[in-house]
Every structure is written in structure tokens, then in C-alpha cells.
C-alpha atoms as a PDB file:
ATOM      1  CA  MET A   1     100.020 114.422  71.807  1.00  0.00           C
ATOM      2  CA  LEU A   2      99.651 114.614  68.207  1.00  0.00           C
ATOM      3  CA  GLU A   3     102.264 111.987  67.666  1.00  0.00           C
ATOM      4  CA  ILE A   4     100.082 109.627  69.899  1.00  0.00           C
ATOM      5  CA  LEU A   5      96.945 110.437  67.884  1.00  0.00           C
ATOM      6  CA  LYS A   6      98.728 109.801  64.559  1.00  0.00           C
ATOM      7  CA  GLN A   7      99.387 106.320  65.319  1.00  0.00           C
ATOM      8  CA  ILE A   8      95.552 105.557  66.131  1.00  0.00           C
ATOM      9  CA  PRO A   9      94.043 104.153  62.975  1.00  0.00           C
ATOM     10  CA  PHE A  10      90.899 105.873  64.073  1.00  0.00           C
ATOM     11  CA  PHE A  11      92.555 109.247  63.385  1.00  0.00           C
ATOM     12  CA  ALA A  12      95.387 108.120  61.250  1.00  0.00           C
ATOM     13  CA  GLU A  13      94.023 109.769  57.969  1.00  0.00           C
ATOM     14  CA  LEU A  14      93.180 113.122  59.258  1.00  0.00           C
ATOM     15  CA  SER A  15      95.057 116.207  58.360  1.00  0.00           C
ATOM     16  CA  GLU A  16      97.293 117.895  61.268  1.00  0.00           C
ATOM     17  CA  ASP A  17      94.681 120.443  61.454  1.00  0.00           C
ATOM     18  CA  ASP A  18      91.992 117.906  62.402  1.00  0.00           C
ATOM     19  CA  LEU A  19      94.331 116.191  64.793  1.00  0.00           C
ATOM     20  CA  LYS A  20      94.742 119.523  66.589  1.00  0.00           C
ATOM     21  CA  ALA A  21      91.322 120.150  67.152  1.00  0.00           C
ATOM     22  CA  ILE A  22      91.121 116.839  68.619  1.00  0.00           C
ATOM     23  CA  SER A  23      93.974 117.218  70.730  1.00  0.00           C
ATOM     24  CA  GLU A  24      92.045 120.510  71.927  1.00  0.00           C
ATOM     25  CA  MET A  25      89.446 118.385  73.008  1.00  0.00           C
ATOM     26  CA  VAL A  26      90.670 115.338  74.806  1.00  0.00           C
ATOM     27  CA  GLN A  27      91.459 115.126  78.472  1.00  0.00           C
ATOM     28  CA  MET A  28      93.814 113.069  80.270  1.00  0.00           C
ATOM     29  CA  GLN A  29      92.440 110.096  82.547  1.00  0.00           C
ATOM     30  CA  TYR A  30      94.291 107.964  84.969  1.00  0.00           C
ATOM     31  CA  PHE A  31      93.362 104.546  85.991  1.00  0.00           C
ATOM     32  CA  GLY A  32      95.348 102.468  88.765  1.00  0.00           C
ATOM     33  CA  PRO A  33      95.931  98.524  88.561  1.00  0.00           C
ATOM     34  CA  ASP A  34      92.459  96.712  88.300  1.00  0.00           C
ATOM     35  CA  GLN A  35      90.417  99.706  88.212  1.00  0.00           C
ATOM     36  CA  VAL A  36      87.359  99.586  85.831  1.00  0.00           C
ATOM     37  CA  VAL A  37      87.317 102.195  83.002  1.00  0.00           C
ATOM     38  CA  PHE A  38      83.527 101.068  82.368  1.00  0.00           C
ATOM     39  CA  GLU A  39      81.290  98.000  82.653  1.00  0.00           C
ATOM     40  CA  GLN A  40      79.428  96.090  79.990  1.00  0.00           C
ATOM     41  CA  GLY A  41      76.176  97.258  79.775  1.00  0.00           C
ATOM     42  CA  ASP A  42      76.726 100.842  80.852  1.00  0.00           C
ATOM     43  CA  TYR A  43      75.651 104.014  78.903  1.00  0.00           C
ATOM     44  CA  GLY A  44      78.807 104.857  77.126  1.00  0.00           C
ATOM     45  CA  GLU A  45      79.783 108.904  76.804  1.00  0.00           C
ATOM     46  CA  GLU A  46      83.465 108.758  76.252  1.00  0.00           C
ATOM     47  CA  MET A  47      86.251 106.900  74.141  1.00  0.00           C
ATOM     48  CA  TYR A  48      89.578 106.322  75.227  1.00  0.00           C
ATOM     49  CA  VAL A  49      93.323 106.355  73.689  1.00  0.00           C
ATOM     50  CA  ILE A  50      95.950 104.355  75.826  1.00  0.00           C
ATOM     51  CA  LYS A  51      99.016 106.617  76.349  1.00  0.00           C
ATOM     52  CA  ARG A  52     100.794 104.514  78.659  1.00  0.00           C
ATOM     53  CA  GLY A  53      99.742 101.459  80.114  1.00  0.00           C
ATOM     54  CA  LYS A  54      97.549  98.295  79.394  1.00  0.00           C
ATOM     55  CA  VAL A  55      93.828  97.401  79.915  1.00  0.00           C
ATOM     56  CA  GLN A  56      91.906  94.363  79.703  1.00  0.00           C
ATOM     57  CA  VAL A  57      88.618  93.956  77.688  1.00  0.00           C
ATOM     58  CA  LEU A  58      86.352  91.561  79.489  1.00  0.00           C
ATOM     59  CA  ARG A  59      82.699  90.196  77.823  1.00  0.00           C
ATOM     60  CA  ASP A  60      80.480  88.235  80.125  1.00  0.00           C
ATOM     61  CA  ASP A  61      83.229  88.065  82.688  1.00  0.00           C
ATOM     62  CA  LYS A  62      85.879  86.253  80.168  1.00  0.00           C
ATOM     63  CA  MET A  63      88.999  88.069  79.025  1.00  0.00           C
ATOM     64  CA  ILE A  64      88.678  88.612  74.977  1.00  0.00           C
ATOM     65  CA  ALA A  65      91.451  91.016  74.531  1.00  0.00           C
ATOM     66  CA  GLU A  66      94.309  93.101  76.119  1.00  0.00           C
ATOM     67  CA  LEU A  67      95.065  96.443  74.784  1.00  0.00           C
ATOM     68  CA  ALA A  68      98.444  98.597  75.182  1.00  0.00           C
ATOM     69  CA  GLU A  69      99.650 101.917  73.969  1.00  0.00           C
ATOM     70  CA  PRO A  70      98.743 103.134  71.374  1.00  0.00           C
ATOM     71  CA  SER A  71      95.377 101.304  71.245  1.00  0.00           C
ATOM     72  CA  PHE A  72      91.789 102.860  71.597  1.00  0.00           C
ATOM     73  CA  PHE A  73      88.573 101.547  72.940  1.00  0.00           C
ATOM     74  CA  GLY A  74      84.914 102.841  73.580  1.00  0.00           C
ATOM     75  CA  GLU A  75      84.865 104.429  70.332  1.00  0.00           C
ATOM     76  CA  MET A  76      81.266 103.026  69.825  1.00  0.00           C
ATOM     77  CA  ALA A  77      80.094 105.512  72.161  1.00  0.00           C
ATOM     78  CA  LEU A  78      80.970 108.358  70.254  1.00  0.00           C
ATOM     79  CA  VAL A  79      78.395 107.122  67.330  1.00  0.00           C
ATOM     80  CA  SER A  80      75.623 104.758  68.983  1.00  0.00           C
ATOM     81  CA  GLU A  81      73.423 104.992  71.816  1.00  0.00           C
ATOM     82  CA  GLU A  82      74.033 101.102  72.591  1.00  0.00           C
ATOM     83  CA  PRO A  83      75.310 100.249  75.921  1.00  0.00           C
ATOM     84  CA  ARG A  84      78.737  99.015  76.254  1.00  0.00           C
ATOM     85  CA  ASN A  85      79.401  95.648  74.822  1.00  0.00           C
ATOM     86  CA  ALA A  86      82.486  95.072  77.233  1.00  0.00           C
ATOM     87  CA  THR A  87      83.894  95.605  80.693  1.00  0.00           C
ATOM     88  CA  VAL A  88      87.312  97.245  80.396  1.00  0.00           C
ATOM     89  CA  LYS A  89      89.678  97.195  83.290  1.00  0.00           C
ATOM     90  CA  ALA A  90      93.300  98.889  83.770  1.00  0.00           C
ATOM     91  CA  MET A  91      96.076  95.963  84.277  1.00  0.00           C
ATOM     92  CA  GLU A  92      98.758  98.248  85.435  1.00  0.00           C
ATOM     93  CA  GLU A  93      98.994 102.128  85.999  1.00  0.00           C
ATOM     94  CA  THR A  94      97.068 103.346  82.492  1.00  0.00           C
ATOM     95  CA  GLU A  95      97.249 106.981  81.585  1.00  0.00           C
ATOM     96  CA  THR A  96      94.530 107.626  78.795  1.00  0.00           C
ATOM     97  CA  LEU A  97      93.394 110.175  76.542  1.00  0.00           C
ATOM     98  CA  MET A  98      89.633 110.750  76.750  1.00  0.00           C
ATOM     99  CA  LEU A  99      87.359 112.076  74.294  1.00  0.00           C
ATOM    100  CA  LYS A 100      83.599 112.891  75.554  1.00  0.00           C
ATOM    101  CA  LYS A 101      80.639 112.301  72.781  1.00  0.00           C
ATOM    102  CA  GLU A 102      79.481 116.083  73.253  1.00  0.00           C
ATOM    103  CA  ASP A 103      83.042 117.295  72.165  1.00  0.00           C
ATOM    104  CA  PHE A 104      83.145 114.638  69.310  1.00  0.00           C
ATOM    105  CA  ARG A 105      79.902 115.814  67.886  1.00  0.00           C
ATOM    106  CA  GLU A 106      80.867 119.397  68.323  1.00  0.00           C
ATOM    107  CA  LEU A 107      84.107 118.689  66.183  1.00  0.00           C
ATOM    108  CA  ILE A 108      82.364 116.749  63.371  1.00  0.00           C
ATOM    109  CA  GLN A 109      79.973 119.520  62.986  1.00  0.00           C
ATOM    110  CA  THR A 110      82.955 121.902  62.303  1.00  0.00           C
ATOM    111  CA  LYS A 111      85.153 119.564  60.633  1.00  0.00           C
ATOM    112  CA  PRO A 112      83.372 116.797  58.297  1.00  0.00           C
ATOM    113  CA  SER A 113      86.650 115.338  57.673  1.00  0.00           C
ATOM    114  CA  ILE A 114      86.542 114.073  60.858  1.00  0.00           C
ATOM    115  CA  ALA A 115      83.367 112.464  60.696  1.00  0.00           C
ATOM    116  CA  SER A 116      83.920 110.728  57.558  1.00  0.00           C
ATOM    117  CA  ALA A 117      87.295 109.190  58.787  1.00  0.00           C
ATOM    118  CA  VAL A 118      85.924 108.291  62.206  1.00  0.00           C
ATOM    119  CA  SER A 119      82.884 106.816  60.564  1.00  0.00           C
ATOM    120  CA  TYR A 120      84.880 104.471  58.251  1.00  0.00           C
ATOM    121  CA  GLU A 121      87.080 103.202  61.269  1.00  0.00           C
ATOM    122  CA  VAL A 122      83.843 102.722  63.404  1.00  0.00           C
ATOM    123  CA  VAL A 123      82.074 100.582  60.739  1.00  0.00           C
ATOM    124  CA  LYS A 124      85.557  98.652  60.244  1.00  0.00           C
ATOM    125  CA  ARG A 125      86.000  97.839  63.930  1.00  0.00           C
ATOM    126  CA  ALA A 126      82.224  96.980  64.683  1.00  0.00           C
ATOM    127  CA  ASN A 127      82.990  94.172  61.996  1.00  0.00           C
ATOM    128  CA  GLN A 128      85.949  92.812  64.024  1.00  0.00           C
ATOM    129  CA  ILE A 129      85.289  89.809  66.184  1.00  0.00           C
ATOM    130  CA  TYR A 130      87.736  89.411  69.213  1.00  0.00           C
END
């Protein structure tokens, strides 16, 4: 699991110790083909890292991106109270690592290095347009 987390820009700059702390918090979640992970407008409580498989990102019912391992999505839910800005749906059997907002908040209280690294990536990603 650490190797997967190291490949994610969101976590790439973190120490081994920080990555271990995150790996203890993530949960495996599986999605079948065409299964919706979350809908545009939903309240978000978690982010996802694709361990295996592929998802499509839809905004206003138009596909704006396809993501495969080791991509991540839903990260804005960890730091924002805004509703989801897109729908994400599995395109095939997809295995993800899920990090819940409450666990993330606990992590950043005990490990400030995680907060600064993640904040940088969130701002960078928020400025990207698909």
C-alpha cells in the first residue's frame, strides 16, 4: 500500500512515517462496472486512490476525464464543505483506497507535515481544468 501512496502526487512529498500513518487510515472499497462512486452535487466525506481499474469523471453528464491507477479523486472533500463538482463512475472493476474526512482531520492534527503537503496539492489541483 505504501508503494501506491508514494505514486500519488497528493502524498508524494510525505515521509515514510507519514505514509504509514495514512495507510493505517485508508479502507479498501470496490466498485463494479458502471457503478457510481459519487454524484455531482453530493456532499463529500472521502477521497479515493485508484489501486486497480478505471473511472470516468462526468460534469453535467459530459465526460471530462478518465482516471486509472494510480490516480486519485474526491480530494476536495477533505478540505472543503463544497458539494462534489463532478460525478465519478467506475468503467470496469475498480479497487480503491478510501480516506475519510474525519480520519484525515485526525491525521493533520497529529502530523502537521501532512497538512502542508496536502494543502499545496489541493490548491494546485483546484486550479487545473480538465
